[in-house]
Structure formats: structure tokens, C-alpha cells
Amino acid sequence: MLTEGFHIRYHPLLESDDLTKYRFPKPEDKLLSITKEIGEREKGNYFILSLQDWTFFERAWLLRGYENILMDFCLREK
């Protein structure tokens, strides 16, 4: 996603009529291994917490665009 601060500027599903065709990106194991390494090294000094502050709703509108996701909720059953 292209961002400017926390303002999302790209919605990959904005023009899509078939949401089943979207392939989600695969997370890299590198990020998890770095987190585990730092956690092991610093566990005696710090409390390590994962910040997950976006809900499914925010993630959905980031993919589809705000107006589109609201219309999807109203017009699509699945």
C-alpha cells in the first residue's frame, strides 16, 4: 500500500467486482524472525507487545475504498 503518514492513497480492490480473485500478499518470515530474536535478547529488560490497532473493518476499507466497502455491506450477502 502506498501511504502518506497514515493516509492510505491506494486501494487495490477499488475497481474489482470479484473479490475472490484477489491474492493477499504473503508475510515474510524475516519480520517474524527479527521479532523473535529481539524478544529473546531483550525479554529481561522490556515487555514486548504487538500493536494490532486496526480492525477487520479498517483493513476492508483500505482494500476496497470507504464508500465501496459500505456499499458492499449493503448490497452483497457474501
PDB file of N, CA and C in Angstrom:
ATOM      1  N   MET A   1       0.835  -1.187   0.000  1.00  0.00           N
ATOM      2  CA  MET A   1       0.000   0.000   0.000  1.00  0.00           C
ATOM      3  C   MET A   1       0.874   1.243   0.000  1.00  0.00           C
ATOM      4  N   LEU A   2       0.497   2.179  -0.771  1.00  0.00           N
ATOM      5  CA  LEU A   2       1.190   3.453  -0.756  1.00  0.00           C
ATOM      6  C   LEU A   2       0.564   4.302   0.335  1.00  0.00           C
ATOM      7  N   THR A   3       1.387   4.904   1.127  1.00  0.00           N
ATOM      8  CA  THR A   3       0.847   5.696   2.226  1.00  0.00           C
ATOM      9  C   THR A   3       1.521   7.060   2.288  1.00  0.00           C
ATOM     10  N   GLU A   4       0.868   7.960   2.921  1.00  0.00           N
ATOM     11  CA  GLU A   4       1.422   9.261   3.245  1.00  0.00           C
ATOM     12  C   GLU A   4       1.080   9.469   4.709  1.00  0.00           C
ATOM     13  N   GLY A   5       2.014   9.108   5.604  1.00  0.00           N
ATOM     14  CA  GLY A   5       1.682   9.050   7.013  1.00  0.00           C
ATOM     15  C   GLY A   5       0.713   7.914   7.206  1.00  0.00           C
ATOM     16  N   PHE A   6      -0.435   8.169   7.816  1.00  0.00           N
ATOM     17  CA  PHE A   6      -1.447   7.141   7.976  1.00  0.00           C
ATOM     18  C   PHE A   6      -2.574   7.287   6.957  1.00  0.00           C
ATOM     19  N   HIS A   7      -2.395   8.181   6.005  1.00  0.00           N
ATOM     20  CA  HIS A   7      -3.415   8.373   4.981  1.00  0.00           C
ATOM     21  C   HIS A   7      -3.163   7.399   3.834  1.00  0.00           C
ATOM     22  N   ILE A   8      -4.044   6.460   3.619  1.00  0.00           N
ATOM     23  CA  ILE A   8      -3.889   5.465   2.575  1.00  0.00           C
ATOM     24  C   ILE A   8      -4.257   6.085   1.233  1.00  0.00           C
ATOM     25  N   ARG A   9      -3.393   5.883   0.243  1.00  0.00           N
ATOM     26  CA  ARG A   9      -3.605   6.506  -1.056  1.00  0.00           C
ATOM     27  C   ARG A   9      -3.863   5.488  -2.161  1.00  0.00           C
ATOM     28  N   TYR A  10      -3.866   4.207  -1.840  1.00  0.00           N
ATOM     29  CA  TYR A  10      -4.052   3.174  -2.854  1.00  0.00           C
ATOM     30  C   TYR A  10      -4.961   2.095  -2.289  1.00  0.00           C
ATOM     31  N   HIS A  11      -5.998   1.744  -3.034  1.00  0.00           N
ATOM     32  CA  HIS A  11      -6.948   0.713  -2.633  1.00  0.00           C
ATOM     33  C   HIS A  11      -6.955  -0.355  -3.728  1.00  0.00           C
ATOM     34  N   PRO A  12      -6.268  -1.500  -3.527  1.00  0.00           N
ATOM     35  CA  PRO A  12      -6.100  -2.474  -4.607  1.00  0.00           C
ATOM     36  C   PRO A  12      -7.383  -3.095  -5.134  1.00  0.00           C
ATOM     37  N   LEU A  13      -8.473  -3.038  -4.408  1.00  0.00           N
ATOM     38  CA  LEU A  13      -9.723  -3.643  -4.860  1.00  0.00           C
ATOM     39  C   LEU A  13     -10.789  -2.612  -5.213  1.00  0.00           C
ATOM     40  N   LEU A  14     -10.391  -1.388  -5.393  1.00  0.00           N
ATOM     41  CA  LEU A  14     -11.344  -0.305  -5.624  1.00  0.00           C
ATOM     42  C   LEU A  14     -12.250  -0.575  -6.823  1.00  0.00           C
ATOM     43  N   GLU A  15     -11.716  -1.081  -7.906  1.00  0.00           N
ATOM     44  CA  GLU A  15     -12.494  -1.298  -9.128  1.00  0.00           C
ATOM     45  C   GLU A  15     -12.887  -2.761  -9.327  1.00  0.00           C
ATOM     46  N   SER A  16     -12.667  -3.620  -8.357  1.00  0.00           N
ATOM     47  CA  SER A  16     -12.909  -5.052  -8.514  1.00  0.00           C
ATOM     48  C   SER A  16     -14.365  -5.412  -8.259  1.00  0.00           C
ATOM     49  N   ASP A  17     -14.935  -6.209  -9.167  1.00  0.00           N
ATOM     50  CA  ASP A  17     -16.278  -6.743  -8.951  1.00  0.00           C
ATOM     51  C   ASP A  17     -16.241  -8.163  -8.408  1.00  0.00           C
ATOM     52  N   ASP A  18     -15.076  -8.799  -8.450  1.00  0.00           N
ATOM     53  CA  ASP A  18     -14.938 -10.177  -7.989  1.00  0.00           C
ATOM     54  C   ASP A  18     -13.838 -10.250  -6.935  1.00  0.00           C
ATOM     55  N   LEU A  19     -14.247 -10.154  -5.682  1.00  0.00           N
ATOM     56  CA  LEU A  19     -13.275 -10.119  -4.592  1.00  0.00           C
ATOM     57  C   LEU A  19     -12.556 -11.446  -4.393  1.00  0.00           C
ATOM     58  N   THR A  20     -13.085 -12.522  -4.938  1.00  0.00           N
ATOM     59  CA  THR A  20     -12.440 -13.833  -4.764  1.00  0.00           C
ATOM     60  C   THR A  20     -11.160 -13.950  -5.580  1.00  0.00           C
ATOM     61  N   LYS A  21     -10.932 -13.070  -6.532  1.00  0.00           N
ATOM     62  CA  LYS A  21      -9.732 -13.128  -7.369  1.00  0.00           C
ATOM     63  C   LYS A  21      -8.521 -12.461  -6.720  1.00  0.00           C
ATOM     64  N   TYR A  22      -8.733 -11.711  -5.650  1.00  0.00           N
ATOM     65  CA  TYR A  22      -7.616 -11.019  -5.005  1.00  0.00           C
ATOM     66  C   TYR A  22      -6.737 -12.011  -4.247  1.00  0.00           C
ATOM     67  N   ARG A  23      -5.457 -11.923  -4.451  1.00  0.00           N
ATOM     68  CA  ARG A  23      -4.495 -12.761  -3.740  1.00  0.00           C
ATOM     69  C   ARG A  23      -3.769 -11.894  -2.709  1.00  0.00           C
ATOM     70  N   PHE A  24      -3.967 -12.232  -1.452  1.00  0.00           N
ATOM     71  CA  PHE A  24      -3.327 -11.477  -0.387  1.00  0.00           C
ATOM     72  C   PHE A  24      -1.819 -11.690  -0.419  1.00  0.00           C
ATOM     73  N   PRO A  25      -1.028 -10.658  -0.129  1.00  0.00           N
ATOM     74  CA  PRO A  25       0.427 -10.828  -0.101  1.00  0.00           C
ATOM     75  C   PRO A  25       0.829 -11.774   1.026  1.00  0.00           C
ATOM     76  N   LYS A  26       1.884 -12.510   0.820  1.00  0.00           N
ATOM     77  CA  LYS A  26       2.371 -13.439   1.830  1.00  0.00           C
ATOM     78  C   LYS A  26       3.339 -12.697   2.757  1.00  0.00           C
ATOM     79  N   PRO A  27       3.108 -12.773   4.072  1.00  0.00           N
ATOM     80  CA  PRO A  27       4.041 -12.121   5.002  1.00  0.00           C
ATOM     81  C   PRO A  27       5.396 -12.804   4.954  1.00  0.00           C
ATOM     82  N   GLU A  28       6.416 -12.024   5.137  1.00  0.00           N
ATOM     83  CA  GLU A  28       7.769 -12.560   5.121  1.00  0.00           C
ATOM     84  C   GLU A  28       8.137 -13.113   6.486  1.00  0.00           C
ATOM     85  N   ASP A  29       8.810 -14.241   6.483  1.00  0.00           N
ATOM     86  CA  ASP A  29       9.283 -14.826   7.735  1.00  0.00           C
ATOM     87  C   ASP A  29      10.347 -13.958   8.386  1.00  0.00           C
ATOM     88  N   LYS A  30      11.014 -13.106   7.600  1.00  0.00           N
ATOM     89  CA  LYS A  30      12.078 -12.250   8.129  1.00  0.00           C
ATOM     90  C   LYS A  30      11.565 -11.364   9.264  1.00  0.00           C
ATOM     91  N   LEU A  31      10.401 -10.780   9.074  1.00  0.00           N
ATOM     92  CA  LEU A  31       9.825  -9.912  10.107  1.00  0.00           C
ATOM     93  C   LEU A  31       9.613 -10.679  11.406  1.00  0.00           C
ATOM     94  N   LEU A  32       9.069 -11.890  11.299  1.00  0.00           N
ATOM     95  CA  LEU A  32       8.835 -12.681  12.499  1.00  0.00           C
ATOM     96  C   LEU A  32      10.145 -13.114  13.151  1.00  0.00           C
ATOM     97  N   SER A  33      11.141 -13.474  12.361  1.00  0.00           N
ATOM     98  CA  SER A  33      12.400 -13.917  12.945  1.00  0.00           C
ATOM     99  C   SER A  33      13.124 -12.773  13.648  1.00  0.00           C
ATOM    100  N   ILE A  34      13.041 -11.565  13.091  1.00  0.00           N
ATOM    101  CA  ILE A  34      13.650 -10.408  13.753  1.00  0.00           C
ATOM    102  C   ILE A  34      12.943 -10.142  15.082  1.00  0.00           C
ATOM    103  N   THR A  35      11.628 -10.231  15.075  1.00  0.00           N
ATOM    104  CA  THR A  35      10.850 -10.011  16.299  1.00  0.00           C
ATOM    105  C   THR A  35      11.218 -11.047  17.362  1.00  0.00           C
ATOM    106  N   LYS A  36      11.333 -12.299  16.973  1.00  0.00           N
ATOM    107  CA  LYS A  36      11.704 -13.353  17.922  1.00  0.00           C
ATOM    108  C   LYS A  36      13.111 -13.136  18.464  1.00  0.00           C
ATOM    109  N   GLU A  37      14.031 -12.752  17.578  1.00  0.00           N
ATOM    110  CA  GLU A  37      15.412 -12.520  18.000  1.00  0.00           C
ATOM    111  C   GLU A  37      15.501 -11.386  19.024  1.00  0.00           C
ATOM    112  N   ILE A  38      14.861 -10.277  18.730  1.00  0.00           N
ATOM    113  CA  ILE A  38      14.875  -9.140  19.659  1.00  0.00           C
ATOM    114  C   ILE A  38      14.159  -9.518  20.952  1.00  0.00           C
ATOM    115  N   GLY A  39      13.063 -10.252  20.852  1.00  0.00           N
ATOM    116  CA  GLY A  39      12.335 -10.681  22.041  1.00  0.00           C
ATOM    117  C   GLY A  39      13.175 -11.538  22.960  1.00  0.00           C
ATOM    118  N   GLU A  40      13.894 -12.479  22.397  1.00  0.00           N
ATOM    119  CA  GLU A  40      14.758 -13.334  23.219  1.00  0.00           C
ATOM    120  C   GLU A  40      15.872 -12.526  23.865  1.00  0.00           C
ATOM    121  N   ARG A  41      16.455 -11.627  23.096  1.00  0.00           N
ATOM    122  CA  ARG A  41      17.587 -10.838  23.596  1.00  0.00           C
ATOM    123  C   ARG A  41      17.154  -9.847  24.682  1.00  0.00           C
ATOM    124  N   GLU A  42      15.966  -9.272  24.552  1.00  0.00           N
ATOM    125  CA  GLU A  42      15.553  -8.182  25.436  1.00  0.00           C
ATOM    126  C   GLU A  42      14.482  -8.566  26.450  1.00  0.00           C
ATOM    127  N   LYS A  43      14.117  -9.843  26.541  1.00  0.00           N
ATOM    128  CA  LYS A  43      12.999 -10.214  27.404  1.00  0.00           C
ATOM    129  C   LYS A  43      13.224  -9.908  28.876  1.00  0.00           C
ATOM    130  N   GLY A  44      14.457  -9.811  29.318  1.00  0.00           N
ATOM    131  CA  GLY A  44      14.730  -9.454  30.704  1.00  0.00           C
ATOM    132  C   GLY A  44      14.657  -7.961  30.967  1.00  0.00           C
ATOM    133  N   ASN A  45      14.688  -7.171  29.892  1.00  0.00           N
ATOM    134  CA  ASN A  45      14.722  -5.715  30.037  1.00  0.00           C
ATOM    135  C   ASN A  45      13.417  -5.014  29.664  1.00  0.00           C
ATOM    136  N   TYR A  46      12.654  -5.636  28.772  1.00  0.00           N
ATOM    137  CA  TYR A  46      11.470  -4.969  28.233  1.00  0.00           C
ATOM    138  C   TYR A  46      10.288  -5.916  28.180  1.00  0.00           C
ATOM    139  N   PHE A  47       9.106  -5.324  28.176  1.00  0.00           N
ATOM    140  CA  PHE A  47       7.869  -6.042  27.910  1.00  0.00           C
ATOM    141  C   PHE A  47       7.556  -5.816  26.437  1.00  0.00           C
ATOM    142  N   ILE A  48       7.521  -6.866  25.654  1.00  0.00           N
ATOM    143  CA  ILE A  48       7.326  -6.723  24.222  1.00  0.00           C
ATOM    144  C   ILE A  48       5.869  -6.999  23.880  1.00  0.00           C
ATOM    145  N   LEU A  49       5.284  -6.080  23.129  1.00  0.00           N
ATOM    146  CA  LEU A  49       3.869  -6.129  22.810  1.00  0.00           C
ATOM    147  C   LEU A  49       3.676  -5.888  21.319  1.00  0.00           C
ATOM    148  N   SER A  50       2.810  -6.645  20.706  1.00  0.00           N
ATOM    149  CA  SER A  50       2.467  -6.440  19.306  1.00  0.00           C
ATOM    150  C   SER A  50       1.269  -5.506  19.235  1.00  0.00           C
ATOM    151  N   LEU A  51       1.384  -4.450  18.465  1.00  0.00           N
ATOM    152  CA  LEU A  51       0.301  -3.485  18.324  1.00  0.00           C
ATOM    153  C   LEU A  51      -0.567  -3.878  17.133  1.00  0.00           C
ATOM    154  N   GLN A  52      -1.797  -4.233  17.391  1.00  0.00           N
ATOM    155  CA  GLN A  52      -2.756  -4.609  16.349  1.00  0.00           C
ATOM    156  C   GLN A  52      -3.972  -3.696  16.491  1.00  0.00           C
ATOM    157  N   ASP A  53      -3.823  -2.463  16.043  1.00  0.00           N
ATOM    158  CA  ASP A  53      -4.880  -1.494  16.313  1.00  0.00           C
ATOM    159  C   ASP A  53      -5.861  -1.283  15.164  1.00  0.00           C
ATOM    160  N   TRP A  54      -5.741  -2.039  14.080  1.00  0.00           N
ATOM    161  CA  TRP A  54      -6.709  -1.909  13.000  1.00  0.00           C
ATOM    162  C   TRP A  54      -7.623  -3.114  13.006  1.00  0.00           C
ATOM    163  N   THR A  55      -8.918  -2.876  12.928  1.00  0.00           N
ATOM    164  CA  THR A  55      -9.893  -3.958  12.920  1.00  0.00           C
ATOM    165  C   THR A  55     -10.083  -4.467  11.493  1.00  0.00           C
ATOM    166  N   PHE A  56     -10.900  -5.509  11.341  1.00  0.00           N
ATOM    167  CA  PHE A  56     -11.202  -6.016  10.006  1.00  0.00           C
ATOM    168  C   PHE A  56     -11.893  -4.952   9.154  1.00  0.00           C
ATOM    169  N   PHE A  57     -12.697  -4.116   9.774  1.00  0.00           N
ATOM    170  CA  PHE A  57     -13.367  -3.058   9.024  1.00  0.00           C
ATOM    171  C   PHE A  57     -12.353  -2.113   8.383  1.00  0.00           C
ATOM    172  N   GLU A  58     -11.368  -1.645   9.144  1.00  0.00           N
ATOM    173  CA  GLU A  58     -10.368  -0.741   8.585  1.00  0.00           C
ATOM    174  C   GLU A  58      -9.581  -1.419   7.465  1.00  0.00           C
ATOM    175  N   ARG A  59      -9.227  -2.673   7.669  1.00  0.00           N
ATOM    176  CA  ARG A  59      -8.486  -3.389   6.631  1.00  0.00           C
ATOM    177  C   ARG A  59      -9.327  -3.549   5.369  1.00  0.00           C
ATOM    178  N   ALA A  60     -10.616  -3.813   5.541  1.00  0.00           N
ATOM    179  CA  ALA A  60     -11.505  -3.976   4.391  1.00  0.00           C
ATOM    180  C   ALA A  60     -11.644  -2.676   3.606  1.00  0.00           C
ATOM    181  N   TRP A  61     -11.829  -1.554   4.282  1.00  0.00           N
ATOM    182  CA  TRP A  61     -11.994  -0.314   3.517  1.00  0.00           C
ATOM    183  C   TRP A  61     -10.684   0.153   2.927  1.00  0.00           C
ATOM    184  N   LEU A  62      -9.555  -0.258   3.510  1.00  0.00           N
ATOM    185  CA  LEU A  62      -8.272   0.067   2.883  1.00  0.00           C
ATOM    186  C   LEU A  62      -8.102  -0.677   1.559  1.00  0.00           C
ATOM    187  N   LEU A  63      -8.664  -1.874   1.466  1.00  0.00           N
ATOM    188  CA  LEU A  63      -8.597  -2.642   0.233  1.00  0.00           C
ATOM    189  C   LEU A  63      -9.601  -2.159  -0.816  1.00  0.00           C
ATOM    190  N   ARG A  64     -10.824  -1.851  -0.389  1.00  0.00           N
ATOM    191  CA  ARG A  64     -11.909  -1.550  -1.326  1.00  0.00           C
ATOM    192  C   ARG A  64     -12.216  -0.059  -1.475  1.00  0.00           C
ATOM    193  N   GLY A  65     -11.781   0.762  -0.543  1.00  0.00           N
ATOM    194  CA  GLY A  65     -12.205   2.157  -0.524  1.00  0.00           C
ATOM    195  C   GLY A  65     -13.409   2.276   0.402  1.00  0.00           C
ATOM    196  N   TYR A  66     -13.545   3.400   1.070  1.00  0.00           N
ATOM    197  CA  TYR A  66     -14.550   3.549   2.116  1.00  0.00           C
ATOM    198  C   TYR A  66     -15.980   3.415   1.582  1.00  0.00           C
ATOM    199  N   GLU A  67     -16.298   4.160   0.541  1.00  0.00           N
ATOM    200  CA  GLU A  67     -17.661   4.102   0.004  1.00  0.00           C
ATOM    201  C   GLU A  67     -17.974   2.708  -0.544  1.00  0.00           C
ATOM    202  N   ASN A  68     -17.021   2.112  -1.255  1.00  0.00           N
ATOM    203  CA  ASN A  68     -17.244   0.781  -1.821  1.00  0.00           C
ATOM    204  C   ASN A  68     -17.506  -0.267  -0.746  1.00  0.00           C
ATOM    205  N   ILE A  69     -16.756  -0.241   0.341  1.00  0.00           N
ATOM    206  CA  ILE A  69     -16.944  -1.282   1.356  1.00  0.00           C
ATOM    207  C   ILE A  69     -18.306  -1.112   2.041  1.00  0.00           C
ATOM    208  N   LEU A  70     -18.749   0.119   2.243  1.00  0.00           N
ATOM    209  CA  LEU A  70     -20.070   0.324   2.835  1.00  0.00           C
ATOM    210  C   LEU A  70     -21.165  -0.171   1.899  1.00  0.00           C
ATOM    211  N   MET A  71     -21.012   0.085   0.606  1.00  0.00           N
ATOM    212  CA  MET A  71     -21.993  -0.413  -0.360  1.00  0.00           C
ATOM    213  C   MET A  71     -21.943  -1.936  -0.441  1.00  0.00           C
ATOM    214  N   ASP A  72     -20.748  -2.511  -0.361  1.00  0.00           N
ATOM    215  CA  ASP A  72     -20.631  -3.978  -0.347  1.00  0.00           C
ATOM    216  C   ASP A  72     -21.414  -4.566   0.820  1.00  0.00           C
ATOM    217  N   PHE A  73     -21.283  -3.956   1.973  1.00  0.00           N
ATOM    218  CA  PHE A  73     -22.012  -4.443   3.147  1.00  0.00           C
ATOM    219  C   PHE A  73     -23.524  -4.396   2.922  1.00  0.00           C
ATOM    220  N   CYS A  74     -23.981  -3.363   2.233  1.00  0.00           N
ATOM    221  CA  CYS A  74     -25.425  -3.217   1.993  1.00  0.00           C
ATOM    222  C   CYS A  74     -25.930  -4.130   0.891  1.00  0.00           C
ATOM    223  N   LEU A  75     -25.154  -4.312  -0.163  1.00  0.00           N
ATOM    224  CA  LEU A  75     -25.649  -4.963  -1.366  1.00  0.00           C
ATOM    225  C   LEU A  75     -25.218  -6.419  -1.556  1.00  0.00           C
ATOM    226  N   ARG A  76     -24.181  -6.845  -0.850  1.00  0.00           N
ATOM    227  CA  ARG A  76     -23.682  -8.221  -1.025  1.00  0.00           C
ATOM    228  C   ARG A  76     -23.936  -9.045   0.217  1.00  0.00           C
ATOM    229  N   GLU A  77     -24.451 -10.232   0.017  1.00  0.00           N
ATOM    230  CA  GLU A  77     -24.693 -11.112   1.156  1.00  0.00           C
ATOM    231  C   GLU A  77     -23.460 -11.904   1.534  1.00  0.00           C
ATOM    232  N   LYS A  78     -22.563 -12.171   0.582  1.00  0.00           N
ATOM    233  CA  LYS A  78     -21.358 -12.968   0.846  1.00  0.00           C
ATOM    234  C   LYS A  78     -20.123 -12.169   0.618  1.00  0.00           C
TER     235      LYS A  78
END
